[in-house]
Amino acid sequence: MSRTGWHEHDWQLIHTDAQSPAMHMALDEVLTNEVSAGRRRPTLRVWEWADPAVVIGRFQSLRNEVDGDAAAGHGIQVVRRISGGGAMFIEPGNTITYSICGPLSLVEGLSFQQSYELMDRWVIEALAELGVAASYQPLNDITSPAGKIAGAAQARKGNAVLHHVTMAYDIDTGKMRDVLRIGREKLSDKGTTSAAKRVDPLRSQTGLPRAAVIERMIAAFRRNHGLRDDHLTPDELGQAMRLAEAKFETAEWTAVVP
């Protein structure tokens, strides 16, 4: 397999109504499989969240990462994704998440670090246009002088690569540290003591509403790589609904690493 460039592919955009956390996990798996099989063109999907959630990585321990009682108390769902990496704390309207389901040839021959850097490059350029001095931080973070902005994760399935990123627009760190055990340690390490502290790297550094930040990001991708508006097909939605019910909504999958 020879490595291909972004412009050698006909990129599609999916930015639809809010979905449940389990449906987002299922859509990532379904769309990656569809791209791998050649039934869907490479796709940028921008997520809208219907509910707050903690999303843990494929290989993370549920009990080590999440305080289940605190999550239940805050009405926060816990789901497990198919990619590796760390836990993500999600608040609808305060988080920006997107997935790239691309051909494996896009990252052929690249190390994991090179692959992450390649897939994050367009959004770092978009953030620069918004006045954010963002940069890639190996292995899978996007940072700025004011702190971490985003974390990424990847999975390779068949002939496709899945790369998804969650960016903090305006996060309630008090709630996050209630729910994420690792979050408590990281915040303690940074000397953060206020339970009510908010971290709003994208809101404070861009001065823009969340929707405007997303619009500028999409425009940057469209300009750099080409992008046509698309939608989820009935078959893709049906596959995702069945997969969400059979896998991502089940306690067995969520606790597959107890």
C-alpha atoms as a PDB file:
ATOM      1  CA  MET A   1       0.000   0.000   0.000  1.00  0.00           C
ATOM      2  CA  SER A   2       1.337   3.425  -0.979  1.00  0.00           C
ATOM      3  CA  ARG A   3       0.754   6.462   1.177  1.00  0.00           C
ATOM      4  CA  THR A   4      -1.846   8.908  -0.130  1.00  0.00           C
ATOM      5  CA  GLY A   5      -2.396  12.619   0.463  1.00  0.00           C
ATOM      6  CA  TRP A   6      -5.481  14.430   1.758  1.00  0.00           C
ATOM      7  CA  HIS A   7      -6.321  15.810  -1.691  1.00  0.00           C
ATOM      8  CA  GLU A   8      -6.420  12.360  -3.230  1.00  0.00           C
ATOM      9  CA  HIS A   9      -9.677  11.690  -1.369  1.00  0.00           C
ATOM     10  CA  ASP A  10     -13.219  13.027  -1.650  1.00  0.00           C
ATOM     11  CA  TRP A  11     -13.867  14.142   1.947  1.00  0.00           C
ATOM     12  CA  GLN A  12     -17.426  14.268   3.273  1.00  0.00           C
ATOM     13  CA  LEU A  13     -18.808  16.268   6.215  1.00  0.00           C
ATOM     14  CA  ILE A  14     -21.377  14.935   8.662  1.00  0.00           C
ATOM     15  CA  HIS A  15     -22.612  17.402  11.269  1.00  0.00           C
ATOM     16  CA  THR A  16     -26.023  16.295  12.474  1.00  0.00           C
ATOM     17  CA  ASP A  17     -28.327  16.642  15.449  1.00  0.00           C
ATOM     18  CA  ALA A  18     -27.191  15.659  18.926  1.00  0.00           C
ATOM     19  CA  GLN A  19     -26.759  11.953  19.614  1.00  0.00           C
ATOM     20  CA  SER A  20     -26.469   9.936  22.807  1.00  0.00           C
ATOM     21  CA  PRO A  21     -22.969   8.969  23.975  1.00  0.00           C
ATOM     22  CA  ALA A  22     -23.539   5.317  23.033  1.00  0.00           C
ATOM     23  CA  MET A  23     -24.668   6.321  19.532  1.00  0.00           C
ATOM     24  CA  HIS A  24     -21.522   8.374  19.041  1.00  0.00           C
ATOM     25  CA  MET A  25     -19.399   5.351  19.975  1.00  0.00           C
ATOM     26  CA  ALA A  26     -21.407   3.189  17.589  1.00  0.00           C
ATOM     27  CA  LEU A  27     -21.268   5.708  14.739  1.00  0.00           C
ATOM     28  CA  ASP A  28     -17.492   5.853  14.969  1.00  0.00           C
ATOM     29  CA  GLU A  29     -17.259   2.084  14.612  1.00  0.00           C
ATOM     30  CA  VAL A  30     -19.868   1.856  11.836  1.00  0.00           C
ATOM     31  CA  LEU A  31     -18.461   4.705   9.738  1.00  0.00           C
ATOM     32  CA  THR A  32     -14.895   3.436  10.111  1.00  0.00           C
ATOM     33  CA  ASN A  33     -16.049   0.000   8.924  1.00  0.00           C
ATOM     34  CA  GLU A  34     -17.919   1.588   5.999  1.00  0.00           C
ATOM     35  CA  VAL A  35     -14.842   3.569   4.931  1.00  0.00           C
ATOM     36  CA  SER A  36     -12.717   0.433   5.266  1.00  0.00           C
ATOM     37  CA  ALA A  37     -15.125  -1.499   3.029  1.00  0.00           C
ATOM     38  CA  GLY A  38     -15.240   1.281   0.447  1.00  0.00           C
ATOM     39  CA  ARG A  39     -18.966   1.895   0.927  1.00  0.00           C
ATOM     40  CA  ARG A  40     -18.409   5.405   2.357  1.00  0.00           C
ATOM     41  CA  ARG A  41     -16.011   8.127   1.293  1.00  0.00           C
ATOM     42  CA  PRO A  42     -13.538   9.463   3.883  1.00  0.00           C
ATOM     43  CA  THR A  43     -15.495  11.492   6.403  1.00  0.00           C
ATOM     44  CA  LEU A  44     -15.099  14.317   8.914  1.00  0.00           C
ATOM     45  CA  ARG A  45     -17.847  13.983  11.534  1.00  0.00           C
ATOM     46  CA  VAL A  46     -18.519  16.794  13.997  1.00  0.00           C
ATOM     47  CA  TRP A  47     -20.306  15.548  17.096  1.00  0.00           C
ATOM     48  CA  GLU A  48     -23.155  17.181  18.977  1.00  0.00           C
ATOM     49  CA  TRP A  49     -23.764  15.643  22.397  1.00  0.00           C
ATOM     50  CA  ALA A  50     -27.270  14.973  23.727  1.00  0.00           C
ATOM     51  CA  ASP A  51     -26.072  14.118  27.241  1.00  0.00           C
ATOM     52  CA  PRO A  52     -23.041  14.597  29.513  1.00  0.00           C
ATOM     53  CA  ALA A  53     -20.669  11.673  29.513  1.00  0.00           C
ATOM     54  CA  VAL A  54     -17.374  10.195  30.494  1.00  0.00           C
ATOM     55  CA  VAL A  55     -15.788   8.331  27.602  1.00  0.00           C
ATOM     56  CA  ILE A  56     -13.053   5.922  28.628  1.00  0.00           C
ATOM     57  CA  GLY A  57     -10.448   4.371  26.359  1.00  0.00           C
ATOM     58  CA  ARG A  58     -10.679   0.804  25.081  1.00  0.00           C
ATOM     59  CA  PHE A  59      -8.027  -0.504  27.474  1.00  0.00           C
ATOM     60  CA  GLN A  60      -8.669   1.616  30.562  1.00  0.00           C
ATOM     61  CA  SER A  61      -9.877   0.214  33.863  1.00  0.00           C
ATOM     62  CA  LEU A  62     -13.386   1.440  34.618  1.00  0.00           C
ATOM     63  CA  ARG A  63     -12.937   1.524  38.375  1.00  0.00           C
ATOM     64  CA  ASN A  64      -9.529   3.185  38.149  1.00  0.00           C
ATOM     65  CA  GLU A  65     -10.781   5.989  35.922  1.00  0.00           C
ATOM     66  CA  VAL A  66     -14.336   6.728  37.038  1.00  0.00           C
ATOM     67  CA  ASP A  67     -16.097   7.317  40.338  1.00  0.00           C
ATOM     68  CA  GLY A  68     -19.312   5.525  39.451  1.00  0.00           C
ATOM     69  CA  ASP A  69     -21.343   6.932  42.338  1.00  0.00           C
ATOM     70  CA  ALA A  70     -20.313  10.502  41.494  1.00  0.00           C
ATOM     71  CA  ALA A  71     -21.090   9.976  37.818  1.00  0.00           C
ATOM     72  CA  ALA A  72     -24.544   8.654  38.672  1.00  0.00           C
ATOM     73  CA  GLY A  73     -25.108  11.535  41.075  1.00  0.00           C
ATOM     74  CA  HIS A  74     -24.375  14.070  38.351  1.00  0.00           C
ATOM     75  CA  GLY A  75     -26.446  12.162  35.783  1.00  0.00           C
ATOM     76  CA  ILE A  76     -23.360  11.459  33.701  1.00  0.00           C
ATOM     77  CA  GLN A  77     -23.272   8.390  31.484  1.00  0.00           C
ATOM     78  CA  VAL A  78     -20.106   6.313  31.213  1.00  0.00           C
ATOM     79  CA  VAL A  79     -19.287   4.690  27.881  1.00  0.00           C
ATOM     80  CA  ARG A  80     -16.253   2.937  26.462  1.00  0.00           C
ATOM     81  CA  ARG A  81     -14.941   3.699  22.965  1.00  0.00           C
ATOM     82  CA  ILE A  82     -13.062   1.427  20.546  1.00  0.00           C
ATOM     83  CA  SER A  83      -9.850   3.477  20.498  1.00  0.00           C
ATOM     84  CA  GLY A  84      -7.149   3.669  23.138  1.00  0.00           C
ATOM     85  CA  GLY A  85      -6.059   6.745  25.050  1.00  0.00           C
ATOM     86  CA  GLY A  86      -7.376   8.453  28.158  1.00  0.00           C
ATOM     87  CA  ALA A  87     -10.754   9.328  29.615  1.00  0.00           C
ATOM     88  CA  MET A  88     -12.713  12.305  28.268  1.00  0.00           C
ATOM     89  CA  PHE A  89     -15.145  14.402  30.300  1.00  0.00           C
ATOM     90  CA  ILE A  90     -17.989  15.683  28.137  1.00  0.00           C
ATOM     91  CA  GLU A  91     -20.520  18.445  28.715  1.00  0.00           C
ATOM     92  CA  PRO A  92     -22.926  19.238  25.871  1.00  0.00           C
ATOM     93  CA  GLY A  93     -22.308  22.728  24.609  1.00  0.00           C
ATOM     94  CA  ASN A  94     -18.976  22.962  26.403  1.00  0.00           C
ATOM     95  CA  THR A  95     -16.999  20.445  24.378  1.00  0.00           C
ATOM     96  CA  ILE A  96     -16.022  20.227  20.716  1.00  0.00           C
ATOM     97  CA  THR A  97     -15.545  16.701  19.401  1.00  0.00           C
ATOM     98  CA  TYR A  98     -14.862  15.459  15.895  1.00  0.00           C
ATOM     99  CA  SER A  99     -13.864  12.235  14.176  1.00  0.00           C
ATOM    100  CA  ILE A 100     -11.940  11.617  11.005  1.00  0.00           C
ATOM    101  CA  CYS A 101     -12.702   8.277   9.376  1.00  0.00           C
ATOM    102  CA  GLY A 102     -10.085   8.066   6.663  1.00  0.00           C
ATOM    103  CA  PRO A 103      -8.342   5.526   4.486  1.00  0.00           C
ATOM    104  CA  LEU A 104      -5.464   3.703   6.108  1.00  0.00           C
ATOM    105  CA  SER A 105      -3.295   4.793   3.173  1.00  0.00           C
ATOM    106  CA  LEU A 106      -3.366   8.323   4.609  1.00  0.00           C
ATOM    107  CA  VAL A 107      -1.091   7.229   7.468  1.00  0.00           C
ATOM    108  CA  GLU A 108       0.684   4.361   5.717  1.00  0.00           C
ATOM    109  CA  GLY A 109       4.284   4.045   6.901  1.00  0.00           C
ATOM    110  CA  LEU A 110       3.919   6.674   9.614  1.00  0.00           C
ATOM    111  CA  SER A 111       4.713   6.093  13.269  1.00  0.00           C
ATOM    112  CA  PHE A 112       1.901   6.697  15.757  1.00  0.00           C
ATOM    113  CA  GLN A 113       3.417  10.071  16.635  1.00  0.00           C
ATOM    114  CA  GLN A 114       3.676  11.080  12.975  1.00  0.00           C
ATOM    115  CA  SER A 115       0.126   9.890  12.391  1.00  0.00           C
ATOM    116  CA  TYR A 116      -1.291  11.959  15.248  1.00  0.00           C
ATOM    117  CA  GLU A 117       0.665  15.000  14.147  1.00  0.00           C
ATOM    118  CA  LEU A 118      -0.560  14.674  10.567  1.00  0.00           C
ATOM    119  CA  MET A 119      -4.200  14.263  11.563  1.00  0.00           C
ATOM    120  CA  ASP A 120      -4.086  17.215  14.006  1.00  0.00           C
ATOM    121  CA  ARG A 121      -2.222  19.628  11.709  1.00  0.00           C
ATOM    122  CA  TRP A 122      -5.295  21.130  10.028  1.00  0.00           C
ATOM    123  CA  VAL A 123      -7.028  21.955  13.313  1.00  0.00           C
ATOM    124  CA  ILE A 124      -3.888  23.553  14.749  1.00  0.00           C
ATOM    125  CA  GLU A 125      -3.817  25.783  11.669  1.00  0.00           C
ATOM    126  CA  ALA A 126      -7.498  26.573  12.201  1.00  0.00           C
ATOM    127  CA  LEU A 127      -6.867  27.499  15.831  1.00  0.00           C
ATOM    128  CA  ALA A 128      -3.973  29.745  14.783  1.00  0.00           C
ATOM    129  CA  GLU A 129      -6.390  31.652  12.534  1.00  0.00           C
ATOM    130  CA  LEU A 130      -8.560  32.164  15.628  1.00  0.00           C
ATOM    131  CA  GLY A 131      -5.638  33.603  17.550  1.00  0.00           C
ATOM    132  CA  VAL A 132      -4.831  30.489  19.577  1.00  0.00           C
ATOM    133  CA  ALA A 133      -1.136  29.602  19.664  1.00  0.00           C
ATOM    134  CA  ALA A 134      -1.878  25.888  19.616  1.00  0.00           C
ATOM    135  CA  SER A 135       0.689  23.188  18.983  1.00  0.00           C
ATOM    136  CA  TYR A 136       0.918  19.432  18.817  1.00  0.00           C
ATOM    137  CA  GLN A 137       2.192  17.782  22.010  1.00  0.00           C
ATOM    138  CA  PRO A 138       3.258  14.133  21.590  1.00  0.00           C
ATOM    139  CA  LEU A 139       1.752  11.710  21.755  1.00  0.00           C
ATOM    140  CA  ASN A 140      -1.829  12.770  21.455  1.00  0.00           C
ATOM    141  CA  ASP A 141      -2.465  16.252  22.876  1.00  0.00           C
ATOM    142  CA  ILE A 142      -3.035  19.725  21.469  1.00  0.00           C
ATOM    143  CA  THR A 143      -1.809  22.422  23.828  1.00  0.00           C
ATOM    144  CA  SER A 144      -1.424  26.184  24.045  1.00  0.00           C
ATOM    145  CA  PRO A 145       0.619  28.449  26.326  1.00  0.00           C
ATOM    146  CA  ALA A 146      -2.502  28.604  28.523  1.00  0.00           C
ATOM    147  CA  GLY A 147      -2.666  24.812  28.885  1.00  0.00           C
ATOM    148  CA  LYS A 148      -4.049  21.706  27.283  1.00  0.00           C
ATOM    149  CA  ILE A 149      -6.825  22.196  24.757  1.00  0.00           C
ATOM    150  CA  ALA A 150      -7.534  18.750  23.392  1.00  0.00           C
ATOM    151  CA  GLY A 151      -6.745  15.054  23.471  1.00  0.00           C
ATOM    152  CA  ALA A 152      -6.870  12.617  20.577  1.00  0.00           C
ATOM    153  CA  ALA A 153      -7.169   8.872  20.136  1.00  0.00           C
ATOM    154  CA  GLN A 154      -6.805   6.578  17.157  1.00  0.00           C
ATOM    155  CA  ALA A 155      -7.806   3.109  16.033  1.00  0.00           C
ATOM    156  CA  ARG A 156      -6.981   1.268  12.848  1.00  0.00           C
ATOM    157  CA  LYS A 157      -9.610  -1.140  11.496  1.00  0.00           C
ATOM    158  CA  GLY A 158      -9.182  -2.979   8.222  1.00  0.00           C
ATOM    159  CA  ASN A 159      -8.369  -0.423   5.543  1.00  0.00           C
ATOM    160  CA  ALA A 160      -9.361   2.610   7.610  1.00  0.00           C
ATOM    161  CA  VAL A 161      -8.012   4.802  10.373  1.00  0.00           C
ATOM    162  CA  LEU A 162     -10.227   6.456  12.991  1.00  0.00           C
ATOM    163  CA  HIS A 163      -8.896   9.633  14.589  1.00  0.00           C
ATOM    164  CA  HIS A 164     -11.090  11.471  17.067  1.00  0.00           C
ATOM    165  CA  VAL A 165     -10.419  14.559  19.145  1.00  0.00           C
ATOM    166  CA  THR A 166     -12.188  16.147  22.095  1.00  0.00           C
ATOM    167  CA  MET A 167     -11.503  19.826  22.757  1.00  0.00           C
ATOM    168  CA  ALA A 168     -12.373  21.696  25.938  1.00  0.00           C
ATOM    169  CA  TYR A 169     -14.411  24.798  25.111  1.00  0.00           C
ATOM    170  CA  ASP A 170     -15.545  25.569  28.673  1.00  0.00           C
ATOM    171  CA  ILE A 171     -15.325  22.761  31.233  1.00  0.00           C
ATOM    172  CA  ASP A 172     -16.542  22.616  34.836  1.00  0.00           C
ATOM    173  CA  THR A 173     -13.441  21.158  36.482  1.00  0.00           C
ATOM    174  CA  GLY A 174     -15.205  20.822  39.817  1.00  0.00           C
ATOM    175  CA  LYS A 175     -17.633  18.344  38.310  1.00  0.00           C
ATOM    176  CA  MET A 176     -14.859  16.697  36.310  1.00  0.00           C
ATOM    177  CA  ARG A 177     -12.749  16.002  39.379  1.00  0.00           C
ATOM    178  CA  ASP A 178     -15.797  14.565  41.127  1.00  0.00           C
ATOM    179  CA  VAL A 179     -16.185  12.002  38.373  1.00  0.00           C
ATOM    180  CA  LEU A 180     -12.688  11.304  37.021  1.00  0.00           C
ATOM    181  CA  ARG A 181     -10.277   9.794  39.501  1.00  0.00           C
ATOM    182  CA  ILE A 182      -7.282  10.654  37.312  1.00  0.00           C
ATOM    183  CA  GLY A 183      -8.647  14.187  36.968  1.00  0.00           C
ATOM    184  CA  ARG A 184      -8.303  14.675  40.717  1.00  0.00           C
ATOM    185  CA  GLU A 185      -4.639  13.691  40.591  1.00  0.00           C
ATOM    186  CA  LYS A 186      -3.831  15.874  37.587  1.00  0.00           C
ATOM    187  CA  LEU A 187      -5.530  18.925  39.033  1.00  0.00           C
ATOM    188  CA  SER A 188      -3.837  18.363  42.371  1.00  0.00           C
ATOM    189  CA  ASP A 189      -0.490  18.132  40.593  1.00  0.00           C
ATOM    190  CA  LYS A 190      -1.166  21.490  38.961  1.00  0.00           C
ATOM    191  CA  GLY A 191      -2.040  23.077  42.281  1.00  0.00           C
ATOM    192  CA  THR A 192      -5.686  23.567  41.364  1.00  0.00           C
ATOM    193  CA  THR A 193      -7.678  23.650  44.572  1.00  0.00           C
ATOM    194  CA  SER A 194     -10.954  25.335  43.724  1.00  0.00           C
ATOM    195  CA  ALA A 195     -13.733  22.806  43.258  1.00  0.00           C
ATOM    196  CA  ALA A 196     -15.667  25.331  41.208  1.00  0.00           C
ATOM    197  CA  LYS A 197     -12.886  26.318  38.823  1.00  0.00           C
ATOM    198  CA  ARG A 198     -13.716  26.325  35.109  1.00  0.00           C
ATOM    199  CA  VAL A 199     -11.243  25.701  32.319  1.00  0.00           C
ATOM    200  CA  ASP A 200     -12.290  27.483  29.143  1.00  0.00           C
ATOM    201  CA  PRO A 201      -9.281  27.492  26.797  1.00  0.00           C
ATOM    202  CA  LEU A 202     -11.212  27.891  23.553  1.00  0.00           C
ATOM    203  CA  ARG A 203     -13.847  30.303  24.834  1.00  0.00           C
ATOM    204  CA  SER A 204     -11.352  32.598  26.567  1.00  0.00           C
ATOM    205  CA  GLN A 205      -8.693  32.465  23.845  1.00  0.00           C
ATOM    206  CA  THR A 206     -11.001  32.920  20.845  1.00  0.00           C
ATOM    207  CA  GLY A 207     -13.726  35.093  22.374  1.00  0.00           C
ATOM    208  CA  LEU A 208     -16.131  33.282  20.060  1.00  0.00           C
ATOM    209  CA  PRO A 209     -19.248  31.203  20.679  1.00  0.00           C
ATOM    210  CA  ARG A 210     -18.739  27.452  20.367  1.00  0.00           C
ATOM    211  CA  ALA A 211     -20.712  27.286  17.107  1.00  0.00           C
ATOM    212  CA  ALA A 212     -18.484  29.938  15.550  1.00  0.00           C
ATOM    213  CA  VAL A 213     -15.335  28.017  16.527  1.00  0.00           C
ATOM    214  CA  ILE A 214     -16.757  24.874  14.889  1.00  0.00           C
ATOM    215  CA  GLU A 215     -17.720  26.829  11.767  1.00  0.00           C
ATOM    216  CA  ARG A 216     -14.180  28.180  11.423  1.00  0.00           C
ATOM    217  CA  MET A 217     -12.703  24.714  11.941  1.00  0.00           C
ATOM    218  CA  ILE A 218     -14.890  23.220   9.230  1.00  0.00           C
ATOM    219  CA  ALA A 219     -13.981  26.079   6.899  1.00  0.00           C
ATOM    220  CA  ALA A 220     -10.280  25.394   7.468  1.00  0.00           C
ATOM    221  CA  PHE A 221     -10.676  21.698   6.697  1.00  0.00           C
ATOM    222  CA  ARG A 222     -12.723  22.505   3.571  1.00  0.00           C
ATOM    223  CA  ARG A 223     -10.107  24.971   2.342  1.00  0.00           C
ATOM    224  CA  ASN A 224      -7.136  22.693   3.046  1.00  0.00           C
ATOM    225  CA  HIS A 225      -8.461  19.316   2.004  1.00  0.00           C
ATOM    226  CA  GLY A 226     -11.787  19.797   0.214  1.00  0.00           C
ATOM    227  CA  LEU A 227     -15.075  18.864   1.899  1.00  0.00           C
ATOM    228  CA  ARG A 228     -18.606  18.185   0.721  1.00  0.00           C
ATOM    229  CA  ASP A 229     -21.691  18.199   2.921  1.00  0.00           C
ATOM    230  CA  ASP A 230     -23.136  14.751   3.508  1.00  0.00           C
ATOM    231  CA  HIS A 231     -25.523  12.920   5.820  1.00  0.00           C
ATOM    232  CA  LEU A 232     -25.840   9.594   7.588  1.00  0.00           C
ATOM    233  CA  THR A 233     -27.638   7.041   5.455  1.00  0.00           C
ATOM    234  CA  PRO A 234     -30.608   5.074   6.853  1.00  0.00           C
ATOM    235  CA  ASP A 235     -28.444   1.950   6.722  1.00  0.00           C
ATOM    236  CA  GLU A 236     -25.631   3.599   8.701  1.00  0.00           C
ATOM    237  CA  LEU A 237     -28.089   4.894  11.292  1.00  0.00           C
ATOM    238  CA  GLY A 238     -29.713   1.478  11.571  1.00  0.00           C
ATOM    239  CA  GLN A 239     -26.358  -0.242  12.020  1.00  0.00           C
ATOM    240  CA  ALA A 240     -25.352   2.277  14.672  1.00  0.00           C
ATOM    241  CA  MET A 241     -28.604   1.961  16.620  1.00  0.00           C
ATOM    242  CA  ARG A 242     -28.280  -1.824  16.713  1.00  0.00           C
ATOM    243  CA  LEU A 243     -24.615  -1.632  17.694  1.00  0.00           C
ATOM    244  CA  ALA A 244     -25.310   0.923  20.433  1.00  0.00           C
ATOM    245  CA  GLU A 245     -27.962  -1.341  21.945  1.00  0.00           C
ATOM    246  CA  ALA A 246     -25.980  -4.554  21.606  1.00  0.00           C
ATOM    247  CA  LYS A 247     -22.588  -3.212  22.683  1.00  0.00           C
ATOM    248  CA  PHE A 248     -22.037   0.357  23.798  1.00  0.00           C
ATOM    249  CA  GLU A 249     -25.077   0.627  26.098  1.00  0.00           C
ATOM    250  CA  THR A 250     -24.263  -2.645  27.876  1.00  0.00           C
ATOM    251  CA  ALA A 251     -22.574  -2.949  31.259  1.00  0.00           C
ATOM    252  CA  GLU A 252     -20.562  -5.862  29.870  1.00  0.00           C
ATOM    253  CA  TRP A 253     -18.788  -3.675  27.303  1.00  0.00           C
ATOM    254  CA  THR A 254     -18.365  -0.683  29.592  1.00  0.00           C
ATOM    255  CA  ALA A 255     -16.786  -2.881  32.278  1.00  0.00           C
ATOM    256  CA  VAL A 256     -14.864  -5.153  29.910  1.00  0.00           C
ATOM    257  CA  VAL A 257     -11.774  -3.915  31.775  1.00  0.00           C
ATOM    258  CA  PRO A 258     -13.244  -3.723  35.316  1.00  0.00           C
END
